[in-house]
Amino acid sequence: MTSPLARVKEQFGSKEDLIKAVRSLATEALFLDRVNDDKGLERVSNQKLLHLHAVLTEVKESFGSRDKLIDAICEVEKRKDAGYRERLARWSTPRLLDWHKSATARA
């Protein structure tokens, strides 16, 4: 098993390039910006950045946006109420993707 630093260097070349890749994916359509303004993504661990990049890439390729991911969750769970949708909209993108995978497995 390779270390996160080795994976960053192998896939992106440097942590700065990984941060640029995450920022390019982290649009309003895919990402709720909850990053600490003082620290920013530069202080986030390589492992978490790699995970975030993988999640955002999967959501973009599979669903296109967070809203479509939320629609897919509602469809799988057969829920149409607006309150449920609003609650899901407050969740982070990785949590939504994990919830979708769990709901799909349960269905």
N, C-alpha and C. Protein backbone atom coordinates (compact mmCIF):
# COMPACT_ATOMS: atom_id res chain seq x y z
N MET A 1 0.85 -1.19 0.00
CA MET A 1 0.00 0.00 0.00
C MET A 1 0.89 1.25 0.00
N THR A 2 0.61 2.15 -0.89
CA THR A 2 1.44 3.36 -0.98
C THR A 2 0.92 4.44 -0.05
N SER A 3 1.82 5.31 0.35
CA SER A 3 1.44 6.40 1.25
C SER A 3 0.67 7.46 0.48
N PRO A 4 -0.10 8.29 1.20
CA PRO A 4 -0.81 9.37 0.52
C PRO A 4 0.13 10.31 -0.25
N LEU A 5 1.29 10.60 0.33
CA LEU A 5 2.25 11.48 -0.34
C LEU A 5 2.72 10.86 -1.65
N ALA A 6 2.99 9.56 -1.64
CA ALA A 6 3.42 8.87 -2.86
C ALA A 6 2.32 8.90 -3.91
N ARG A 7 1.06 8.72 -3.47
CA ARG A 7 -0.06 8.77 -4.41
C ARG A 7 -0.23 10.16 -5.00
N VAL A 8 -0.04 11.19 -4.17
CA VAL A 8 -0.14 12.57 -4.67
C VAL A 8 0.92 12.82 -5.72
N LYS A 9 2.16 12.42 -5.43
CA LYS A 9 3.25 12.63 -6.39
C LYS A 9 3.04 11.83 -7.66
N GLU A 10 2.50 10.62 -7.52
CA GLU A 10 2.27 9.76 -8.67
C GLU A 10 1.16 10.30 -9.57
N GLN A 11 0.04 10.75 -8.97
CA GLN A 11 -1.12 11.16 -9.75
C GLN A 11 -1.08 12.63 -10.16
N PHE A 12 -0.52 13.49 -9.30
CA PHE A 12 -0.62 14.93 -9.56
C PHE A 12 0.72 15.64 -9.65
N GLY A 13 1.78 15.04 -9.17
CA GLY A 13 3.09 15.68 -9.21
C GLY A 13 3.44 16.39 -7.92
N SER A 14 2.51 17.18 -7.39
CA SER A 14 2.76 17.89 -6.13
C SER A 14 1.43 18.18 -5.44
N LYS A 15 1.53 18.55 -4.17
CA LYS A 15 0.32 18.86 -3.42
C LYS A 15 -0.37 20.09 -4.00
N GLU A 16 0.42 21.05 -4.49
CA GLU A 16 -0.16 22.26 -5.09
C GLU A 16 -1.01 21.91 -6.30
N ASP A 17 -0.53 20.97 -7.11
CA ASP A 17 -1.30 20.54 -8.29
C ASP A 17 -2.59 19.83 -7.88
N LEU A 18 -2.51 19.04 -6.80
CA LEU A 18 -3.70 18.37 -6.27
C LEU A 18 -4.71 19.41 -5.78
N ILE A 19 -4.23 20.42 -5.08
CA ILE A 19 -5.12 21.48 -4.58
C ILE A 19 -5.78 22.21 -5.75
N LYS A 20 -5.03 22.47 -6.82
CA LYS A 20 -5.60 23.11 -8.00
C LYS A 20 -6.69 22.22 -8.61
N ALA A 21 -6.44 20.92 -8.65
CA ALA A 21 -7.42 19.98 -9.22
C ALA A 21 -8.69 19.96 -8.37
N VAL A 22 -8.53 19.96 -7.05
CA VAL A 22 -9.69 19.96 -6.16
C VAL A 22 -10.46 21.26 -6.32
N ARG A 23 -9.75 22.38 -6.36
CA ARG A 23 -10.42 23.68 -6.52
C ARG A 23 -11.18 23.77 -7.84
N SER A 24 -10.63 23.18 -8.90
CA SER A 24 -11.32 23.24 -10.19
C SER A 24 -12.61 22.42 -10.15
N LEU A 25 -12.63 21.35 -9.35
CA LEU A 25 -13.84 20.54 -9.21
C LEU A 25 -14.82 21.12 -8.19
N ALA A 26 -14.31 21.89 -7.25
CA ALA A 26 -15.11 22.37 -6.11
C ALA A 26 -15.93 23.60 -6.49
N THR A 27 -16.79 23.46 -7.47
CA THR A 27 -17.67 24.54 -7.87
C THR A 27 -18.91 24.52 -6.99
N GLU A 28 -19.74 25.54 -7.08
CA GLU A 28 -20.97 25.58 -6.28
C GLU A 28 -21.91 24.43 -6.63
N ALA A 29 -21.82 23.93 -7.85
CA ALA A 29 -22.70 22.84 -8.26
C ALA A 29 -22.33 21.52 -7.58
N LEU A 30 -21.06 21.39 -7.14
CA LEU A 30 -20.61 20.12 -6.58
C LEU A 30 -20.21 20.18 -5.11
N PHE A 31 -19.98 21.37 -4.56
CA PHE A 31 -19.27 21.46 -3.28
C PHE A 31 -19.85 22.56 -2.41
N LEU A 32 -20.13 22.23 -1.14
CA LEU A 32 -20.48 23.25 -0.16
C LEU A 32 -19.18 23.76 0.44
N ASP A 33 -18.89 25.01 0.29
CA ASP A 33 -17.61 25.55 0.74
C ASP A 33 -17.62 25.76 2.25
N ARG A 34 -17.05 24.81 2.96
CA ARG A 34 -16.95 24.90 4.42
C ARG A 34 -15.50 24.93 4.86
N VAL A 35 -14.61 25.32 3.96
CA VAL A 35 -13.19 25.35 4.26
C VAL A 35 -12.88 26.57 5.12
N ASN A 36 -12.06 26.37 6.12
CA ASN A 36 -11.63 27.46 6.99
C ASN A 36 -10.85 28.48 6.17
N ASP A 37 -11.30 29.74 6.17
CA ASP A 37 -10.66 30.77 5.35
C ASP A 37 -9.23 31.05 5.79
N ASP A 38 -8.94 30.92 7.08
CA ASP A 38 -7.58 31.19 7.57
C ASP A 38 -6.59 30.12 7.12
N LYS A 39 -7.02 28.88 7.13
CA LYS A 39 -6.11 27.78 6.82
C LYS A 39 -6.20 27.36 5.36
N GLY A 40 -7.39 27.24 4.83
CA GLY A 40 -7.58 26.86 3.43
C GLY A 40 -7.24 25.40 3.17
N LEU A 41 -7.28 25.03 1.92
CA LEU A 41 -7.01 23.65 1.52
C LEU A 41 -5.54 23.27 1.69
N GLU A 42 -4.67 24.27 1.78
CA GLU A 42 -3.24 23.98 1.90
C GLU A 42 -2.92 23.21 3.17
N ARG A 43 -3.72 23.40 4.21
CA ARG A 43 -3.48 22.75 5.50
C ARG A 43 -4.19 21.40 5.64
N VAL A 44 -4.99 21.03 4.65
CA VAL A 44 -5.71 19.75 4.69
C VAL A 44 -4.73 18.63 4.33
N SER A 45 -4.88 17.48 4.96
CA SER A 45 -3.96 16.37 4.72
C SER A 45 -4.09 15.83 3.29
N ASN A 46 -3.02 15.21 2.83
CA ASN A 46 -3.01 14.63 1.48
C ASN A 46 -4.10 13.58 1.34
N GLN A 47 -4.28 12.76 2.37
CA GLN A 47 -5.29 11.70 2.33
C GLN A 47 -6.69 12.28 2.12
N LYS A 48 -7.01 13.34 2.87
CA LYS A 48 -8.33 13.95 2.75
C LYS A 48 -8.51 14.63 1.40
N LEU A 49 -7.45 15.25 0.89
CA LEU A 49 -7.54 15.89 -0.43
C LEU A 49 -7.75 14.84 -1.52
N LEU A 50 -7.04 13.72 -1.43
CA LEU A 50 -7.22 12.65 -2.41
C LEU A 50 -8.65 12.11 -2.36
N HIS A 51 -9.18 11.94 -1.15
CA HIS A 51 -10.55 11.46 -1.00
C HIS A 51 -11.55 12.46 -1.59
N LEU A 52 -11.35 13.74 -1.27
CA LEU A 52 -12.25 14.78 -1.78
C LEU A 52 -12.21 14.84 -3.30
N HIS A 53 -11.03 14.73 -3.88
CA HIS A 53 -10.90 14.73 -5.33
C HIS A 53 -11.63 13.54 -5.94
N ALA A 54 -11.48 12.36 -5.33
CA ALA A 54 -12.14 11.16 -5.84
C ALA A 54 -13.66 11.30 -5.75
N VAL A 55 -14.15 11.82 -4.64
CA VAL A 55 -15.60 11.99 -4.46
C VAL A 55 -16.15 12.99 -5.46
N LEU A 56 -15.51 14.14 -5.58
CA LEU A 56 -16.02 15.17 -6.50
C LEU A 56 -15.98 14.69 -7.94
N THR A 57 -14.94 13.94 -8.30
CA THR A 57 -14.84 13.39 -9.66
C THR A 57 -15.97 12.40 -9.91
N GLU A 58 -16.23 11.52 -8.94
CA GLU A 58 -17.29 10.53 -9.10
C GLU A 58 -18.66 11.18 -9.21
N VAL A 59 -18.92 12.19 -8.38
CA VAL A 59 -20.21 12.87 -8.42
C VAL A 59 -20.38 13.59 -9.76
N LYS A 60 -19.32 14.25 -10.22
CA LYS A 60 -19.41 14.98 -11.49
C LYS A 60 -19.66 14.02 -12.66
N GLU A 61 -18.96 12.88 -12.66
CA GLU A 61 -19.12 11.93 -13.76
C GLU A 61 -20.46 11.18 -13.70
N SER A 62 -20.88 10.81 -12.50
CA SER A 62 -22.08 9.98 -12.37
C SER A 62 -23.38 10.78 -12.35
N PHE A 63 -23.34 11.96 -11.73
CA PHE A 63 -24.58 12.71 -11.54
C PHE A 63 -24.55 14.10 -12.18
N GLY A 64 -23.40 14.72 -12.27
CA GLY A 64 -23.30 16.05 -12.87
C GLY A 64 -23.31 17.17 -11.85
N SER A 65 -24.11 17.04 -10.78
CA SER A 65 -24.16 18.08 -9.76
C SER A 65 -24.71 17.49 -8.46
N ARG A 66 -24.56 18.26 -7.38
CA ARG A 66 -25.10 17.85 -6.08
C ARG A 66 -26.62 17.71 -6.14
N ASP A 67 -27.28 18.64 -6.84
CA ASP A 67 -28.73 18.61 -6.94
C ASP A 67 -29.22 17.32 -7.59
N LYS A 68 -28.53 16.88 -8.62
CA LYS A 68 -28.93 15.63 -9.28
C LYS A 68 -28.63 14.43 -8.40
N LEU A 69 -27.58 14.52 -7.59
CA LEU A 69 -27.29 13.46 -6.62
C LEU A 69 -28.39 13.40 -5.57
N ILE A 70 -28.84 14.55 -5.09
CA ILE A 70 -29.94 14.61 -4.12
C ILE A 70 -31.21 14.04 -4.75
N ASP A 71 -31.47 14.38 -6.01
CA ASP A 71 -32.63 13.83 -6.72
C ASP A 71 -32.54 12.30 -6.80
N ALA A 72 -31.34 11.80 -7.06
CA ALA A 72 -31.15 10.35 -7.16
C ALA A 72 -31.40 9.67 -5.82
N ILE A 73 -30.97 10.30 -4.73
CA ILE A 73 -31.21 9.75 -3.39
C ILE A 73 -32.72 9.71 -3.13
N CYS A 74 -33.40 10.81 -3.42
CA CYS A 74 -34.85 10.86 -3.20
C CYS A 74 -35.57 9.81 -4.03
N GLU A 75 -35.11 9.59 -5.24
CA GLU A 75 -35.73 8.60 -6.12
C GLU A 75 -35.51 7.18 -5.59
N VAL A 76 -34.29 6.88 -5.16
CA VAL A 76 -33.99 5.54 -4.64
C VAL A 76 -34.79 5.27 -3.37
N GLU A 77 -34.93 6.29 -2.52
CA GLU A 77 -35.65 6.11 -1.25
C GLU A 77 -37.15 6.36 -1.38
N LYS A 78 -37.58 6.72 -2.60
CA LYS A 78 -39.00 6.99 -2.87
C LYS A 78 -39.56 8.05 -1.93
N ARG A 79 -38.81 9.14 -1.78
CA ARG A 79 -39.22 10.27 -0.93
C ARG A 79 -39.40 11.50 -1.81
N LYS A 80 -40.49 12.22 -1.61
CA LYS A 80 -40.75 13.40 -2.43
C LYS A 80 -40.95 14.66 -1.60
N ASP A 81 -40.88 14.53 -0.27
CA ASP A 81 -41.17 15.68 0.57
C ASP A 81 -40.02 16.69 0.55
N ALA A 82 -40.40 17.97 0.55
CA ALA A 82 -39.43 19.06 0.44
C ALA A 82 -38.53 19.15 1.67
N GLY A 83 -39.03 18.83 2.83
CA GLY A 83 -38.23 18.89 4.05
C GLY A 83 -37.05 17.94 4.00
N TYR A 84 -37.28 16.75 3.48
CA TYR A 84 -36.21 15.76 3.34
C TYR A 84 -35.15 16.27 2.38
N ARG A 85 -35.60 16.84 1.27
CA ARG A 85 -34.68 17.40 0.27
C ARG A 85 -33.84 18.53 0.86
N GLU A 86 -34.48 19.40 1.65
CA GLU A 86 -33.76 20.50 2.30
C GLU A 86 -32.70 19.98 3.27
N ARG A 87 -33.06 18.94 4.02
CA ARG A 87 -32.10 18.36 4.96
C ARG A 87 -30.90 17.79 4.21
N LEU A 88 -31.16 17.07 3.12
CA LEU A 88 -30.06 16.52 2.33
C LEU A 88 -29.19 17.62 1.74
N ALA A 89 -29.79 18.75 1.38
CA ALA A 89 -29.03 19.84 0.76
C ALA A 89 -27.99 20.44 1.72
N ARG A 90 -28.19 20.26 3.02
CA ARG A 90 -27.23 20.79 3.99
C ARG A 90 -26.04 19.86 4.19
N TRP A 91 -26.13 18.63 3.72
CA TRP A 91 -25.07 17.65 3.91
C TRP A 91 -23.90 17.91 2.96
N SER A 92 -22.71 17.46 3.34
CA SER A 92 -21.54 17.58 2.48
C SER A 92 -21.65 16.60 1.31
N THR A 93 -20.94 16.89 0.25
CA THR A 93 -20.98 16.03 -0.94
C THR A 93 -20.50 14.60 -0.64
N PRO A 94 -19.38 14.41 0.11
CA PRO A 94 -18.99 13.03 0.41
C PRO A 94 -20.05 12.27 1.20
N ARG A 95 -20.72 12.94 2.12
CA ARG A 95 -21.77 12.29 2.90
C ARG A 95 -22.94 11.90 2.00
N LEU A 96 -23.30 12.79 1.07
CA LEU A 96 -24.39 12.50 0.14
C LEU A 96 -24.07 11.29 -0.73
N LEU A 97 -22.84 11.24 -1.23
CA LEU A 97 -22.45 10.12 -2.09
C LEU A 97 -22.49 8.82 -1.30
N ASP A 98 -21.99 8.84 -0.07
CA ASP A 98 -22.03 7.66 0.77
C ASP A 98 -23.46 7.23 1.06
N TRP A 99 -24.34 8.20 1.31
CA TRP A 99 -25.75 7.91 1.58
C TRP A 99 -26.41 7.28 0.35
N HIS A 100 -26.07 7.80 -0.83
CA HIS A 100 -26.63 7.25 -2.07
C HIS A 100 -26.21 5.81 -2.26
N LYS A 101 -24.94 5.52 -2.00
CA LYS A 101 -24.45 4.15 -2.15
C LYS A 101 -25.16 3.23 -1.17
N SER A 102 -25.34 3.68 0.07
CA SER A 102 -26.03 2.86 1.08
C SER A 102 -27.50 2.66 0.70
N ALA A 103 -28.16 3.71 0.26
CA ALA A 103 -29.57 3.61 -0.11
C ALA A 103 -29.75 2.69 -1.30
N THR A 104 -28.84 2.75 -2.26
CA THR A 104 -28.91 1.88 -3.42
C THR A 104 -28.72 0.42 -3.02
N ALA A 105 -27.83 0.18 -2.09
CA ALA A 105 -27.59 -1.20 -1.62
C ALA A 105 -28.80 -1.73 -0.86
N ARG A 106 -29.48 -0.85 -0.09
CA ARG A 106 -30.66 -1.26 0.66
C ARG A 106 -31.86 -1.54 -0.25
N ALA A 107 -31.95 -0.81 -1.34
CA ALA A 107 -33.12 -0.90 -2.22
C ALA A 107 -33.15 -2.20 -3.02
